[in-house]
C-alpha atoms as a PDB file:
ATOM      1  CA  MET A   1      73.093 -46.998 -88.960  1.00  0.00           C
ATOM      2  CA  THR A   2      70.434 -49.588 -88.696  1.00  0.00           C
ATOM      3  CA  THR A   3      68.835 -50.911 -85.397  1.00  0.00           C
ATOM      4  CA  LEU A   4      66.945 -54.135 -84.859  1.00  0.00           C
ATOM      5  CA  SER A   5      64.630 -53.988 -81.818  1.00  0.00           C
ATOM      6  CA  LYS A   6      62.709 -56.896 -80.379  1.00  0.00           C
ATOM      7  CA  SER A   7      60.790 -57.888 -77.152  1.00  0.00           C
ATOM      8  CA  ILE A   8      59.445 -61.197 -75.764  1.00  0.00           C
ATOM      9  CA  TYR A   9      57.775 -62.134 -72.772  1.00  0.00           C
ATOM     10  CA  LEU A  10      58.758 -65.203 -70.782  1.00  0.00           C
ATOM     11  CA  ARG A  11      57.260 -67.264 -68.093  1.00  0.00           C
ATOM     12  CA  ALA A  12      60.567 -66.891 -66.047  1.00  0.00           C
ATOM     13  CA  THR A  13      62.186 -64.862 -63.297  1.00  0.00           C
ATOM     14  CA  LYS A  14      64.581 -62.307 -64.294  1.00  0.00           C
ATOM     15  CA  GLU A  15      67.269 -64.330 -62.660  1.00  0.00           C
ATOM     16  CA  GLN A  16      66.292 -67.189 -64.687  1.00  0.00           C
ATOM     17  CA  VAL A  17      66.457 -65.171 -67.776  1.00  0.00           C
ATOM     18  CA  TRP A  18      69.830 -63.751 -66.878  1.00  0.00           C
ATOM     19  CA  ALA A  19      71.282 -67.152 -66.803  1.00  0.00           C
ATOM     20  CA  TYR A  20      70.172 -67.798 -70.313  1.00  0.00           C
ATOM     21  CA  LEU A  21      71.933 -64.604 -71.438  1.00  0.00           C
ATOM     22  CA  THR A  22      75.355 -65.148 -69.587  1.00  0.00           C
ATOM     23  CA  ASP A  23      75.922 -68.883 -68.488  1.00  0.00           C
ATOM     24  CA  PRO A  24      77.675 -70.960 -71.258  1.00  0.00           C
ATOM     25  CA  GLU A  25      75.531 -74.153 -70.799  1.00  0.00           C
ATOM     26  CA  LYS A  26      72.290 -72.026 -71.102  1.00  0.00           C
ATOM     27  CA  LEU A  27      73.437 -70.023 -74.058  1.00  0.00           C
ATOM     28  CA  ALA A  28      74.282 -73.152 -75.718  1.00  0.00           C
ATOM     29  CA  ILE A  29      70.639 -74.181 -75.651  1.00  0.00           C
ATOM     30  CA  TRP A  30      69.312 -71.162 -77.605  1.00  0.00           C
ATOM     31  CA  PHE A  31      72.327 -69.385 -79.088  1.00  0.00           C
ATOM     32  CA  HIS A  32      75.995 -70.091 -79.228  1.00  0.00           C
ATOM     33  CA  LYS A  33      78.342 -71.415 -76.443  1.00  0.00           C
ATOM     34  CA  PRO A  34      81.188 -69.194 -75.008  1.00  0.00           C
ATOM     35  CA  PRO A  35      83.922 -71.009 -73.171  1.00  0.00           C
ATOM     36  CA  LYS A  36      83.089 -68.867 -69.997  1.00  0.00           C
ATOM     37  CA  ALA A  37      80.349 -66.976 -68.558  1.00  0.00           C
ATOM     38  CA  LEU A  38      79.882 -63.423 -69.959  1.00  0.00           C
ATOM     39  CA  ALA A  39      81.330 -60.775 -67.617  1.00  0.00           C
ATOM     40  CA  GLU A  40      81.659 -57.037 -67.790  1.00  0.00           C
ATOM     41  CA  GLY A  41      84.857 -55.695 -69.097  1.00  0.00           C
ATOM     42  CA  GLU A  42      85.805 -59.135 -70.608  1.00  0.00           C
ATOM     43  CA  ASP A  43      86.218 -60.094 -74.267  1.00  0.00           C
ATOM     44  CA  TYR A  44      84.145 -63.131 -75.307  1.00  0.00           C
ATOM     45  CA  ALA A  45      83.723 -65.439 -78.170  1.00  0.00           C
ATOM     46  CA  MET A  46      80.828 -67.780 -79.062  1.00  0.00           C
ATOM     47  CA  TYR A  47      81.150 -71.062 -81.021  1.00  0.00           C
ATOM     48  CA  GLY A  48      78.560 -73.095 -82.902  1.00  0.00           C
ATOM     49  CA  THR A  49      77.399 -76.009 -80.571  1.00  0.00           C
ATOM     50  CA  THR A  50      77.470 -78.556 -83.247  1.00  0.00           C
ATOM     51  CA  SER A  51      80.359 -77.137 -85.515  1.00  0.00           C
ATOM     52  CA  GLY A  52      82.634 -75.702 -82.865  1.00  0.00           C
ATOM     53  CA  ASP A  53      83.228 -72.799 -85.427  1.00  0.00           C
ATOM     54  CA  LYS A  54      83.796 -69.324 -83.898  1.00  0.00           C
ATOM     55  CA  LEU A  55      80.660 -67.430 -84.732  1.00  0.00           C
ATOM     56  CA  MET A  56      80.766 -64.123 -83.108  1.00  0.00           C
ATOM     57  CA  TRP A  57      83.089 -62.147 -80.712  1.00  0.00           C
ATOM     58  CA  GLY A  58      83.372 -58.800 -78.931  1.00  0.00           C
ATOM     59  CA  GLU A  59      83.545 -57.377 -75.498  1.00  0.00           C
ATOM     60  CA  VAL A  60      80.963 -57.146 -72.712  1.00  0.00           C
ATOM     61  CA  THR A  61      80.812 -53.612 -71.882  1.00  0.00           C
ATOM     62  CA  VAL A  62      77.881 -53.784 -69.283  1.00  0.00           C
ATOM     63  CA  ALA A  63      76.603 -56.655 -67.057  1.00  0.00           C
ATOM     64  CA  ARG A  64      74.315 -55.443 -64.467  1.00  0.00           C
ATOM     65  CA  PRO A  65      72.862 -58.799 -63.385  1.00  0.00           C
ATOM     66  CA  HIS A  66      69.177 -59.383 -63.821  1.00  0.00           C
ATOM     67  CA  GLU A  67      68.749 -55.873 -65.414  1.00  0.00           C
ATOM     68  CA  GLN A  68      71.003 -55.125 -68.404  1.00  0.00           C
ATOM     69  CA  LEU A  69      73.664 -56.758 -70.558  1.00  0.00           C
ATOM     70  CA  GLU A  70      75.527 -55.014 -73.443  1.00  0.00           C
ATOM     71  CA  TYR A  71      78.300 -56.204 -75.604  1.00  0.00           C
ATOM     72  CA  SER A  72      79.938 -55.241 -78.910  1.00  0.00           C
ATOM     73  CA  PHE A  73      79.081 -57.805 -81.674  1.00  0.00           C
ATOM     74  CA  SER A  74      81.130 -58.826 -84.673  1.00  0.00           C
ATOM     75  CA  ILE A  75      80.523 -61.779 -87.245  1.00  0.00           C
ATOM     76  CA  ALA A  76      82.575 -62.612 -90.268  1.00  0.00           C
ATOM     77  CA  PRO A  77      79.929 -61.358 -92.704  1.00  0.00           C
ATOM     78  CA  MET A  78      80.541 -57.813 -91.199  1.00  0.00           C
ATOM     79  CA  GLN A  79      84.004 -57.796 -92.275  1.00  0.00           C
ATOM     80  CA  GLY A  80      85.593 -56.222 -89.388  1.00  0.00           C
ATOM     81  CA  ALA A  81      82.657 -53.792 -88.519  1.00  0.00           C
ATOM     82  CA  THR A  82      81.334 -53.816 -84.925  1.00  0.00           C
ATOM     83  CA  SER A  83      77.817 -53.363 -83.819  1.00  0.00           C
ATOM     84  CA  THR A  84      76.237 -53.251 -80.260  1.00  0.00           C
ATOM     85  CA  VAL A  85      73.723 -55.717 -78.640  1.00  0.00           C
ATOM     86  CA  LYS A  86      71.767 -54.520 -75.624  1.00  0.00           C
ATOM     87  CA  TRP A  87      69.466 -56.719 -73.499  1.00  0.00           C
ATOM     88  CA  ARG A  88      67.202 -55.280 -70.872  1.00  0.00           C
ATOM     89  CA  LEU A  89      65.173 -57.466 -68.483  1.00  0.00           C
ATOM     90  CA  ASP A  90      61.967 -56.025 -66.922  1.00  0.00           C
ATOM     91  CA  GLU A  91      59.661 -57.735 -64.471  1.00  0.00           C
ATOM     92  CA  VAL A  92      56.174 -58.107 -65.398  1.00  0.00           C
ATOM     93  CA  ALA A  93      53.148 -59.821 -64.079  1.00  0.00           C
ATOM     94  CA  GLY A  94      53.915 -63.454 -64.542  1.00  0.00           C
ATOM     95  CA  GLY A  95      57.333 -63.073 -65.685  1.00  0.00           C
ATOM     96  CA  THR A  96      59.953 -61.134 -67.518  1.00  0.00           C
ATOM     97  CA  ARG A  97      59.811 -58.979 -70.694  1.00  0.00           C
ATOM     98  CA  LEU A  98      63.242 -59.457 -72.414  1.00  0.00           C
ATOM     99  CA  SER A  99      64.125 -56.543 -74.856  1.00  0.00           C
ATOM    100  CA  LEU A 100      66.850 -56.591 -77.448  1.00  0.00           C
ATOM    101  CA  GLU A 101      68.318 -53.634 -79.269  1.00  0.00           C
ATOM    102  CA  HIS A 102      71.023 -54.547 -81.819  1.00  0.00           C
ATOM    103  CA  SER A 103      72.220 -51.207 -83.266  1.00  0.00           C
ATOM    104  CA  GLY A 104      75.037 -49.963 -85.430  1.00  0.00           C
ATOM    105  CA  LEU A 105      74.430 -52.249 -88.262  1.00  0.00           C
ATOM    106  CA  PRO A 106      75.526 -51.060 -91.596  1.00  0.00           C
ATOM    107  CA  GLU A 107      73.095 -49.385 -93.886  1.00  0.00           C
ATOM    108  CA  GLY A 108      72.255 -49.390 -97.636  1.00  0.00           C
ATOM    109  CA  ALA A 109      71.178 -51.924-100.265  1.00  0.00           C
ATOM    110  CA  ASP A 110      74.479 -53.754 -99.929  1.00  0.00           C
ATOM    111  CA  ALA A 111      73.963 -54.321 -96.200  1.00  0.00           C
ATOM    112  CA  PHE A 112      70.329 -55.309 -96.330  1.00  0.00           C
ATOM    113  CA  GLY A 113      70.764 -59.019 -96.729  1.00  0.00           C
ATOM    114  CA  LEU A 114      72.886 -59.075 -93.509  1.00  0.00           C
ATOM    115  CA  THR A 115      70.087 -57.046 -91.834  1.00  0.00           C
ATOM    116  CA  LEU A 116      67.473 -59.591 -92.922  1.00  0.00           C
ATOM    117  CA  ALA A 117      69.759 -62.616 -91.859  1.00  0.00           C
ATOM    118  CA  LEU A 118      70.361 -60.998 -88.288  1.00  0.00           C
ATOM    119  CA  ASP A 119      66.551 -60.115 -87.898  1.00  0.00           C
ATOM    120  CA  LYS A 120      65.534 -63.574 -88.746  1.00  0.00           C
ATOM    121  CA  GLY A 121      68.305 -65.090 -86.544  1.00  0.00           C
ATOM    122  CA  TRP A 122      67.321 -63.190 -83.537  1.00  0.00           C
ATOM    123  CA  ASP A 123      63.737 -64.256 -83.991  1.00  0.00           C
ATOM    124  CA  ASP A 124      64.811 -67.893 -84.275  1.00  0.00           C
ATOM    125  CA  HIS A 125      67.200 -67.734 -81.261  1.00  0.00           C
ATOM    126  CA  MET A 126      64.610 -65.878 -78.999  1.00  0.00           C
ATOM    127  CA  GLY A 127      62.038 -68.570 -79.982  1.00  0.00           C
ATOM    128  CA  ARG A 128      64.360 -71.205 -78.794  1.00  0.00           C
ATOM    129  CA  MET A 129      65.091 -69.354 -75.539  1.00  0.00           C
ATOM    130  CA  ARG A 130      61.359 -69.239 -75.007  1.00  0.00           C
ATOM    131  CA  ALA A 131      60.764 -72.822 -75.773  1.00  0.00           C
ATOM    132  CA  SER A 132      63.358 -73.882 -73.310  1.00  0.00           C
ATOM    133  CA  LEU A 133      62.194 -71.784 -70.539  1.00  0.00           C
ATOM    134  CA  HIS A 134      58.637 -72.728 -71.103  1.00  0.00           C
ATOM    135  CA  GLY A 135      59.497 -76.351 -71.373  1.00  0.00           C
ATOM    136  CA  ASP A 136      58.138 -76.571 -74.930  1.00  0.00           C
END
């Protein structure tokens, strides 16, 4: 299976970054909006902030505040397949390093377009998070 790995550095506390990963209003700024905060052991769905369309869904499997968030991840183009998204927050001098591991993605030439789209999507989303936290 294919795994995407990314890290960004944010001029923000781990508590601030955690809010951007779990709070519906903060998620709506940079990603997609769930109807309620992400919590361990609960199913979630996220919706387009302008379209209102259901874009992704799964279950939150780990939610250790300010440290680690993990959830299963499904989107329509995956045709029922499920992958795993893991976020890790590490305190660094001046802020937080946020690391993403998106694993369990399909492999092969037929799936490469999906991998490219998710890779670009995560870059775009994480860039919006950075811009919001940094006041850009």
